[in-house]
Amino acid sequence: MTRKLEGKIAVVTGGSAGIGLAAAKRFAEEGAHVFITGRRQSELDKAVKEIGANATAVQADAANIGDLTRLFETVKASKGRIDVLYANAGIYEFTPFGSITEEAYDRMFNINVKGAIFTVQQAVPLMGEGGSIILTGSVAGSKGFEADTVYGATKAAIRSFARSWTADLKARKIRVNVLSPGPVQTPGFDVFANDDVRNYMKSLVPLGRIGEADEIAKAALFLASDDSSYVAGVELFVDGGSAAI
């Protein structure tokens, strides 16, 4: 039985942990060679061991254009092309209104927004017809949550990018879609979610639980593969119903 990404070349930014790692593992299991990025080499080394032989790690900060240039030069030299780009790198911080700092604003916009723009812009020259670009959004880009002003705005920008780039890339038949999770159990989630926060987040989900990273990865595989060949410019919520209710 042919695997869904047999022979494909995929790049997953922020692929050393959480959703990015889960997606990279799925992509590799389905036949892709996967390049993953992250800022910490030790985490990248662990991730490559988890993914297996079809993985290459490139240390890179999504907010650093020089790092992105080096990433795509590495991909070009090694494989010559990209079939799937999952621009997943991002960060989250609480930003209660009235105490938002310039530093927090710059950090989130640099990684979540600037990083996405220049990741995609540098990847596209390596992509051919039928390529798939997946952007990581969030329910926070469509709904309003307390202490979420800056993060929510970065994810609203991501949704806008998918619309614009679908128009920009239509002649090349490159599909751009947004994958927007709700609350998901990841190492990053554990950083800020104590029991009170966790219970509050659960209360916002009609299915009544926190999602698992592999549940997001399965949706990413759909958007990466030919199963979604007629899907472009959409925002796919994988959130237990949070955005819909």
C-alpha atoms as a PDB file:
ATOM      1  CA  MET A   1       0.000   0.000   0.000  1.00  0.00           C
ATOM      2  CA  THR A   2       1.460   3.354  -1.061  1.00  0.00           C
ATOM      3  CA  ARG A   3       2.129   5.762   1.757  1.00  0.00           C
ATOM      4  CA  LYS A   4       0.569   9.223   1.523  1.00  0.00           C
ATOM      5  CA  LEU A   5       3.848  11.163   1.292  1.00  0.00           C
ATOM      6  CA  GLU A   6       6.031   8.579  -0.420  1.00  0.00           C
ATOM      7  CA  GLY A   7       9.163  10.244  -1.797  1.00  0.00           C
ATOM      8  CA  LYS A   8       8.119  13.751  -0.695  1.00  0.00           C
ATOM      9  CA  ILE A   9      10.416  16.327   0.904  1.00  0.00           C
ATOM     10  CA  ALA A  10       8.908  18.119   3.894  1.00  0.00           C
ATOM     11  CA  VAL A  11      10.109  20.957   6.100  1.00  0.00           C
ATOM     12  CA  VAL A  12       8.625  21.420   9.568  1.00  0.00           C
ATOM     13  CA  THR A  13       9.714  24.489  11.509  1.00  0.00           C
ATOM     14  CA  GLY A  14       9.438  24.182  15.261  1.00  0.00           C
ATOM     15  CA  GLY A  15       9.715  20.441  14.761  1.00  0.00           C
ATOM     16  CA  SER A  16      11.710  19.456  17.821  1.00  0.00           C
ATOM     17  CA  ALA A  17       8.764  19.103  20.227  1.00  0.00           C
ATOM     18  CA  GLY A  18       4.999  19.199  20.572  1.00  0.00           C
ATOM     19  CA  ILE A  19       2.804  19.540  17.494  1.00  0.00           C
ATOM     20  CA  GLY A  20       5.741  20.021  15.135  1.00  0.00           C
ATOM     21  CA  LEU A  21       7.445  16.830  16.290  1.00  0.00           C
ATOM     22  CA  ALA A  22       4.199  14.855  16.089  1.00  0.00           C
ATOM     23  CA  ALA A  23       3.649  16.086  12.529  1.00  0.00           C
ATOM     24  CA  ALA A  24       7.227  15.337  11.509  1.00  0.00           C
ATOM     25  CA  LYS A  25       6.837  11.782  12.807  1.00  0.00           C
ATOM     26  CA  ARG A  26       3.591  11.328  10.856  1.00  0.00           C
ATOM     27  CA  PHE A  27       5.144  12.729   7.682  1.00  0.00           C
ATOM     28  CA  ALA A  28       8.152  10.408   7.975  1.00  0.00           C
ATOM     29  CA  GLU A  29       5.939   7.381   8.673  1.00  0.00           C
ATOM     30  CA  GLU A  30       4.067   8.197   5.472  1.00  0.00           C
ATOM     31  CA  GLY A  31       7.242   8.185   3.389  1.00  0.00           C
ATOM     32  CA  ALA A  32       8.564  11.767   3.477  1.00  0.00           C
ATOM     33  CA  HIS A  33      12.081  12.897   4.239  1.00  0.00           C
ATOM     34  CA  VAL A  34      11.570  15.579   6.873  1.00  0.00           C
ATOM     35  CA  PHE A  35      13.755  18.548   7.736  1.00  0.00           C
ATOM     36  CA  ILE A  36      12.977  19.872  11.204  1.00  0.00           C
ATOM     37  CA  THR A  37      14.093  23.088  12.855  1.00  0.00           C
ATOM     38  CA  GLY A  38      14.356  24.329  16.396  1.00  0.00           C
ATOM     39  CA  ARG A  39      16.485  26.636  18.479  1.00  0.00           C
ATOM     40  CA  ARG A  40      18.008  24.031  20.812  1.00  0.00           C
ATOM     41  CA  GLN A  41      20.354  21.470  19.290  1.00  0.00           C
ATOM     42  CA  SER A  42      19.886  19.005  22.161  1.00  0.00           C
ATOM     43  CA  GLU A  43      16.125  18.898  21.539  1.00  0.00           C
ATOM     44  CA  LEU A  44      16.676  18.521  17.803  1.00  0.00           C
ATOM     45  CA  ASP A  45      18.998  15.569  18.375  1.00  0.00           C
ATOM     46  CA  LYS A  46      16.362  13.839  20.513  1.00  0.00           C
ATOM     47  CA  ALA A  47      13.680  14.534  17.923  1.00  0.00           C
ATOM     48  CA  VAL A  48      15.721  13.037  15.079  1.00  0.00           C
ATOM     49  CA  LYS A  49      16.132   9.832  17.114  1.00  0.00           C
ATOM     50  CA  GLU A  50      12.360   9.690  17.588  1.00  0.00           C
ATOM     51  CA  ILE A  51      11.569  10.324  13.934  1.00  0.00           C
ATOM     52  CA  GLY A  52      14.183   7.968  12.517  1.00  0.00           C
ATOM     53  CA  ALA A  53      16.370   7.794   9.441  1.00  0.00           C
ATOM     54  CA  ASN A  54      14.123  10.007   7.313  1.00  0.00           C
ATOM     55  CA  ALA A  55      14.846  13.117   9.376  1.00  0.00           C
ATOM     56  CA  THR A  56      17.409  15.900   9.175  1.00  0.00           C
ATOM     57  CA  ALA A  57      17.719  18.578  11.859  1.00  0.00           C
ATOM     58  CA  VAL A  58      18.793  22.145  11.134  1.00  0.00           C
ATOM     59  CA  GLN A  59      19.205  24.476  14.098  1.00  0.00           C
ATOM     60  CA  ALA A  60      17.378  27.675  13.222  1.00  0.00           C
ATOM     61  CA  ASP A  61      15.435  30.502  14.844  1.00  0.00           C
ATOM     62  CA  ALA A  62      12.317  31.319  12.791  1.00  0.00           C
ATOM     63  CA  ALA A  63      12.738  35.011  13.591  1.00  0.00           C
ATOM     64  CA  ASN A  64      16.272  35.093  12.180  1.00  0.00           C
ATOM     65  CA  ILE A  65      16.311  35.542   8.414  1.00  0.00           C
ATOM     66  CA  GLY A  66      19.933  34.418   8.216  1.00  0.00           C
ATOM     67  CA  ASP A  67      19.012  31.161   9.930  1.00  0.00           C
ATOM     68  CA  LEU A  68      16.137  30.656   7.490  1.00  0.00           C
ATOM     69  CA  THR A  69      18.456  31.260   4.534  1.00  0.00           C
ATOM     70  CA  ARG A  70      20.834  28.627   5.876  1.00  0.00           C
ATOM     71  CA  LEU A  71      17.931  26.209   6.382  1.00  0.00           C
ATOM     72  CA  PHE A  72      16.726  26.428   2.801  1.00  0.00           C
ATOM     73  CA  GLU A  73      20.249  26.364   1.396  1.00  0.00           C
ATOM     74  CA  THR A  74      20.707  23.097   3.306  1.00  0.00           C
ATOM     75  CA  VAL A  75      17.458  21.662   1.929  1.00  0.00           C
ATOM     76  CA  LYS A  76      18.339  22.714  -1.620  1.00  0.00           C
ATOM     77  CA  ALA A  77      21.830  21.230  -1.438  1.00  0.00           C
ATOM     78  CA  SER A  78      20.578  17.972   0.063  1.00  0.00           C
ATOM     79  CA  LYS A  79      17.286  17.300  -1.744  1.00  0.00           C
ATOM     80  CA  GLY A  80      16.831  20.057  -4.311  1.00  0.00           C
ATOM     81  CA  ARG A  81      13.169  20.771  -3.625  1.00  0.00           C
ATOM     82  CA  ILE A  82      10.343  21.060  -1.089  1.00  0.00           C
ATOM     83  CA  ASP A  83       6.958  19.386  -1.515  1.00  0.00           C
ATOM     84  CA  VAL A  84       5.463  20.201   1.892  1.00  0.00           C
ATOM     85  CA  LEU A  85       6.175  23.159   4.158  1.00  0.00           C
ATOM     86  CA  TYR A  86       4.680  23.202   7.644  1.00  0.00           C
ATOM     87  CA  ALA A  87       5.451  26.676   9.046  1.00  0.00           C
ATOM     88  CA  ASN A  88       4.740  25.738  12.617  1.00  0.00           C
ATOM     89  CA  ALA A  89       7.325  27.600  14.722  1.00  0.00           C
ATOM     90  CA  GLY A  90       5.689  29.929  17.228  1.00  0.00           C
ATOM     91  CA  ILE A  91       5.510  31.010  20.849  1.00  0.00           C
ATOM     92  CA  TYR A  92       2.786  31.953  23.299  1.00  0.00           C
ATOM     93  CA  GLU A  93       2.891  34.340  26.253  1.00  0.00           C
ATOM     94  CA  PHE A  94       0.171  35.754  28.498  1.00  0.00           C
ATOM     95  CA  THR A  95      -0.259  39.479  27.794  1.00  0.00           C
ATOM     96  CA  PRO A  96      -2.852  40.948  30.201  1.00  0.00           C
ATOM     97  CA  PHE A  97      -4.182  44.187  28.753  1.00  0.00           C
ATOM     98  CA  GLY A  98      -2.671  47.169  30.558  1.00  0.00           C
ATOM     99  CA  SER A  99       0.620  45.407  31.215  1.00  0.00           C
ATOM    100  CA  ILE A 100       1.655  44.426  27.690  1.00  0.00           C
ATOM    101  CA  THR A 101       5.367  45.059  27.194  1.00  0.00           C
ATOM    102  CA  GLU A 102       7.162  46.039  24.030  1.00  0.00           C
ATOM    103  CA  GLU A 103       9.473  43.067  24.543  1.00  0.00           C
ATOM    104  CA  ALA A 104       6.596  40.551  24.616  1.00  0.00           C
ATOM    105  CA  TYR A 105       5.016  42.172  21.566  1.00  0.00           C
ATOM    106  CA  ASP A 106       8.275  42.050  19.612  1.00  0.00           C
ATOM    107  CA  ARG A 107       9.022  38.450  20.611  1.00  0.00           C
ATOM    108  CA  MET A 108       5.665  37.088  19.493  1.00  0.00           C
ATOM    109  CA  PHE A 109       5.364  39.122  16.315  1.00  0.00           C
ATOM    110  CA  ASN A 110       8.964  38.384  15.321  1.00  0.00           C
ATOM    111  CA  ILE A 111       8.597  34.620  15.673  1.00  0.00           C
ATOM    112  CA  ASN A 112       4.920  34.073  14.853  1.00  0.00           C
ATOM    113  CA  VAL A 113       4.424  36.652  12.091  1.00  0.00           C
ATOM    114  CA  LYS A 114       7.792  37.747  10.686  1.00  0.00           C
ATOM    115  CA  GLY A 115       8.994  34.161  10.962  1.00  0.00           C
ATOM    116  CA  ALA A 116       6.040  32.846   8.955  1.00  0.00           C
ATOM    117  CA  ILE A 117       6.414  35.443   6.203  1.00  0.00           C
ATOM    118  CA  PHE A 118      10.092  34.835   5.571  1.00  0.00           C
ATOM    119  CA  THR A 119       9.872  31.069   6.039  1.00  0.00           C
ATOM    120  CA  VAL A 120       7.277  30.847   3.283  1.00  0.00           C
ATOM    121  CA  GLN A 121       8.927  33.426   1.052  1.00  0.00           C
ATOM    122  CA  GLN A 122      12.235  31.565   1.122  1.00  0.00           C
ATOM    123  CA  ALA A 123      10.647  28.131   0.719  1.00  0.00           C
ATOM    124  CA  VAL A 124       8.439  28.881  -2.283  1.00  0.00           C
ATOM    125  CA  PRO A 125      11.288  29.057  -4.862  1.00  0.00           C
ATOM    126  CA  LEU A 126      12.029  25.409  -4.012  1.00  0.00           C
ATOM    127  CA  MET A 127       8.423  24.296  -4.470  1.00  0.00           C
ATOM    128  CA  GLY A 128       6.808  22.981  -7.643  1.00  0.00           C
ATOM    129  CA  GLU A 129       3.213  22.569  -8.755  1.00  0.00           C
ATOM    130  CA  GLY A 130       1.070  20.707  -6.276  1.00  0.00           C
ATOM    131  CA  GLY A 131       3.107  21.801  -3.262  1.00  0.00           C
ATOM    132  CA  SER A 132       1.388  22.223   0.090  1.00  0.00           C
ATOM    133  CA  ILE A 133       2.039  24.982   2.622  1.00  0.00           C
ATOM    134  CA  ILE A 134       0.519  24.612   6.076  1.00  0.00           C
ATOM    135  CA  LEU A 135       0.522  27.485   8.561  1.00  0.00           C
ATOM    136  CA  THR A 136      -0.096  27.049  12.277  1.00  0.00           C
ATOM    137  CA  GLY A 137      -2.953  29.232  13.415  1.00  0.00           C
ATOM    138  CA  SER A 138      -5.041  29.027  16.573  1.00  0.00           C
ATOM    139  CA  VAL A 139      -8.596  29.391  17.798  1.00  0.00           C
ATOM    140  CA  ALA A 140      -7.188  32.537  19.441  1.00  0.00           C
ATOM    141  CA  GLY A 141      -7.030  34.155  16.005  1.00  0.00           C
ATOM    142  CA  SER A 142     -10.817  33.987  15.706  1.00  0.00           C
ATOM    143  CA  LYS A 143     -12.049  34.216  19.298  1.00  0.00           C
ATOM    144  CA  GLY A 144     -11.325  36.568  22.171  1.00  0.00           C
ATOM    145  CA  PHE A 145      -9.657  35.324  25.340  1.00  0.00           C
ATOM    146  CA  GLU A 146      -8.426  37.196  28.393  1.00  0.00           C
ATOM    147  CA  ALA A 147      -4.718  38.096  28.432  1.00  0.00           C
ATOM    148  CA  ASP A 148      -4.422  37.048  24.794  1.00  0.00           C
ATOM    149  CA  THR A 149      -4.204  40.367  22.938  1.00  0.00           C
ATOM    150  CA  VAL A 150      -0.832  39.897  21.250  1.00  0.00           C
ATOM    151  CA  TYR A 151      -0.891  36.159  20.574  1.00  0.00           C
ATOM    152  CA  GLY A 152      -4.406  36.350  19.159  1.00  0.00           C
ATOM    153  CA  ALA A 153      -3.353  39.148  16.827  1.00  0.00           C
ATOM    154  CA  THR A 154      -0.386  37.136  15.543  1.00  0.00           C
ATOM    155  CA  LYS A 155      -2.656  34.234  14.697  1.00  0.00           C
ATOM    156  CA  ALA A 156      -5.211  36.482  13.006  1.00  0.00           C
ATOM    157  CA  ALA A 157      -2.334  37.630  10.798  1.00  0.00           C
ATOM    158  CA  ILE A 158      -1.560  34.015   9.938  1.00  0.00           C
ATOM    159  CA  ARG A 159      -5.147  33.514   8.765  1.00  0.00           C
ATOM    160  CA  SER A 160      -4.815  36.562   6.534  1.00  0.00           C
ATOM    161  CA  PHE A 161      -1.547  35.237   5.067  1.00  0.00           C
ATOM    162  CA  ALA A 162      -3.253  32.064   3.876  1.00  0.00           C
ATOM    163  CA  ARG A 163      -5.824  34.054   1.950  1.00  0.00           C
ATOM    164  CA  SER A 164      -3.255  36.361   0.353  1.00  0.00           C
ATOM    165  CA  TRP A 165      -0.789  33.609  -0.502  1.00  0.00           C
ATOM    166  CA  THR A 166      -3.493  31.407  -1.986  1.00  0.00           C
ATOM    167  CA  ALA A 167      -4.091  34.250  -4.439  1.00  0.00           C
ATOM    168  CA  ASP A 168      -0.373  34.927  -4.925  1.00  0.00           C
ATOM    169  CA  LEU A 169       0.479  31.282  -5.649  1.00  0.00           C
ATOM    170  CA  LYS A 170      -2.573  30.149  -7.611  1.00  0.00           C
ATOM    171  CA  ALA A 171      -0.716  30.202 -10.939  1.00  0.00           C
ATOM    172  CA  ARG A 172       1.818  27.784  -9.473  1.00  0.00           C
ATOM    173  CA  LYS A 173      -0.909  25.533  -8.014  1.00  0.00           C
ATOM    174  CA  ILE A 174       0.657  25.678  -4.547  1.00  0.00           C
ATOM    175  CA  ARG A 175      -1.962  25.244  -1.846  1.00  0.00           C
ATOM    176  CA  VAL A 176      -1.829  27.297   1.361  1.00  0.00           C
ATOM    177  CA  ASN A 177      -3.985  26.376   4.345  1.00  0.00           C
ATOM    178  CA  VAL A 178      -4.122  27.146   8.054  1.00  0.00           C
ATOM    179  CA  LEU A 179      -4.298  24.457  10.722  1.00  0.00           C
ATOM    180  CA  SER A 180      -5.712  25.961  13.910  1.00  0.00           C
ATOM    181  CA  PRO A 181      -5.549  23.918  17.111  1.00  0.00           C
ATOM    182  CA  GLY A 182      -7.432  24.478  20.311  1.00  0.00           C
ATOM    183  CA  PRO A 183      -5.726  23.681  23.628  1.00  0.00           C
ATOM    184  CA  VAL A 184      -3.283  20.821  23.054  1.00  0.00           C
ATOM    185  CA  GLN A 185      -1.093  18.887  25.466  1.00  0.00           C
ATOM    186  CA  THR A 186       2.496  19.836  24.602  1.00  0.00           C
ATOM    187  CA  PRO A 187       5.628  20.738  26.577  1.00  0.00           C
ATOM    188  CA  GLY A 188       4.878  24.384  25.805  1.00  0.00           C
ATOM    189  CA  PHE A 189       1.350  24.066  27.184  1.00  0.00           C
ATOM    190  CA  ASP A 190       2.752  22.731  30.457  1.00  0.00           C
ATOM    191  CA  VAL A 191       4.884  25.875  30.868  1.00  0.00           C
ATOM    192  CA  PHE A 192       1.919  28.168  31.482  1.00  0.00           C
ATOM    193  CA  ALA A 193      -1.012  25.840  32.247  1.00  0.00           C
ATOM    194  CA  ASN A 194      -1.388  25.105  35.945  1.00  0.00           C
ATOM    195  CA  ASP A 195      -4.426  23.103  37.113  1.00  0.00           C
ATOM    196  CA  ASP A 196      -6.677  26.167  37.159  1.00  0.00           C
ATOM    197  CA  VAL A 197      -5.710  27.182  33.631  1.00  0.00           C
ATOM    198  CA  ARG A 198      -6.032  23.605  32.412  1.00  0.00           C
ATOM    199  CA  ASN A 199      -9.536  23.274  33.847  1.00  0.00           C
ATOM    200  CA  TYR A 200     -10.538  26.619  32.369  1.00  0.00           C
ATOM    201  CA  MET A 201      -9.273  25.596  28.940  1.00  0.00           C
ATOM    202  CA  LYS A 202     -11.164  22.311  29.155  1.00  0.00           C
ATOM    203  CA  SER A 203     -14.335  24.220  29.965  1.00  0.00           C
ATOM    204  CA  LEU A 204     -14.048  26.053  26.626  1.00  0.00           C
ATOM    205  CA  VAL A 205     -13.940  22.810  24.618  1.00  0.00           C
ATOM    206  CA  PRO A 206     -17.285  21.172  23.768  1.00  0.00           C
ATOM    207  CA  LEU A 207     -15.590  17.761  23.736  1.00  0.00           C
ATOM    208  CA  GLY A 208     -14.461  18.483  27.293  1.00  0.00           C
ATOM    209  CA  ARG A 209     -10.765  17.664  27.056  1.00  0.00           C
ATOM    210  CA  ILE A 210      -7.348  18.907  26.004  1.00  0.00           C
ATOM    211  CA  GLY A 211      -6.237  17.676  22.589  1.00  0.00           C
ATOM    212  CA  GLU A 212      -3.235  15.498  21.847  1.00  0.00           C
ATOM    213  CA  ALA A 213      -0.407  16.570  19.540  1.00  0.00           C
ATOM    214  CA  ASP A 214      -0.915  13.549  17.300  1.00  0.00           C
ATOM    215  CA  GLU A 215      -4.526  14.605  16.680  1.00  0.00           C
ATOM    216  CA  ILE A 216      -3.195  17.812  15.159  1.00  0.00           C
ATOM    217  CA  ALA A 217      -0.541  15.859  13.263  1.00  0.00           C
ATOM    218  CA  LYS A 218      -3.210  13.709  11.589  1.00  0.00           C
ATOM    219  CA  ALA A 219      -4.908  16.853  10.305  1.00  0.00           C
ATOM    220  CA  ALA A 220      -1.535  18.191   9.127  1.00  0.00           C
ATOM    221  CA  LEU A 221      -1.010  14.963   7.186  1.00  0.00           C
ATOM    222  CA  PHE A 222      -4.366  15.491   5.464  1.00  0.00           C
ATOM    223  CA  LEU A 223      -3.380  19.020   4.397  1.00  0.00           C
ATOM    224  CA  ALA A 224       0.087  17.856   3.334  1.00  0.00           C
ATOM    225  CA  SER A 225      -1.116  14.983   1.172  1.00  0.00           C
ATOM    226  CA  ASP A 226      -3.117  14.651  -2.017  1.00  0.00           C
ATOM    227  CA  ASP A 227      -6.144  13.805   0.139  1.00  0.00           C
ATOM    228  CA  SER A 228      -6.618  17.594   0.304  1.00  0.00           C
ATOM    229  CA  SER A 229      -5.790  18.295  -3.351  1.00  0.00           C
ATOM    230  CA  TYR A 230      -8.873  20.528  -3.767  1.00  0.00           C
ATOM    231  CA  VAL A 231      -8.476  22.341  -0.440  1.00  0.00           C
ATOM    232  CA  ALA A 232      -6.904  25.810  -0.543  1.00  0.00           C
ATOM    233  CA  GLY A 233      -7.115  28.953   1.554  1.00  0.00           C
ATOM    234  CA  VAL A 234      -9.073  27.338   4.367  1.00  0.00           C
ATOM    235  CA  GLU A 235      -8.687  27.380   8.127  1.00  0.00           C
ATOM    236  CA  LEU A 236      -9.072  23.880   9.508  1.00  0.00           C
ATOM    237  CA  PHE A 237      -9.931  23.969  13.211  1.00  0.00           C
ATOM    238  CA  VAL A 238      -8.804  20.951  15.234  1.00  0.00           C
ATOM    239  CA  ASP A 239     -10.113  22.158  18.545  1.00  0.00           C
ATOM    240  CA  GLY A 240     -12.848  19.913  19.903  1.00  0.00           C
ATOM    241  CA  GLY A 241     -15.458  22.379  18.682  1.00  0.00           C
ATOM    242  CA  SER A 242     -14.096  25.453  20.488  1.00  0.00           C
ATOM    243  CA  ALA A 243     -14.286  27.837  17.538  1.00  0.00           C
ATOM    244  CA  ALA A 244     -17.647  26.608  16.295  1.00  0.00           C
ATOM    245  CA  ILE A 245     -19.687  26.878  19.503  1.00  0.00           C
END
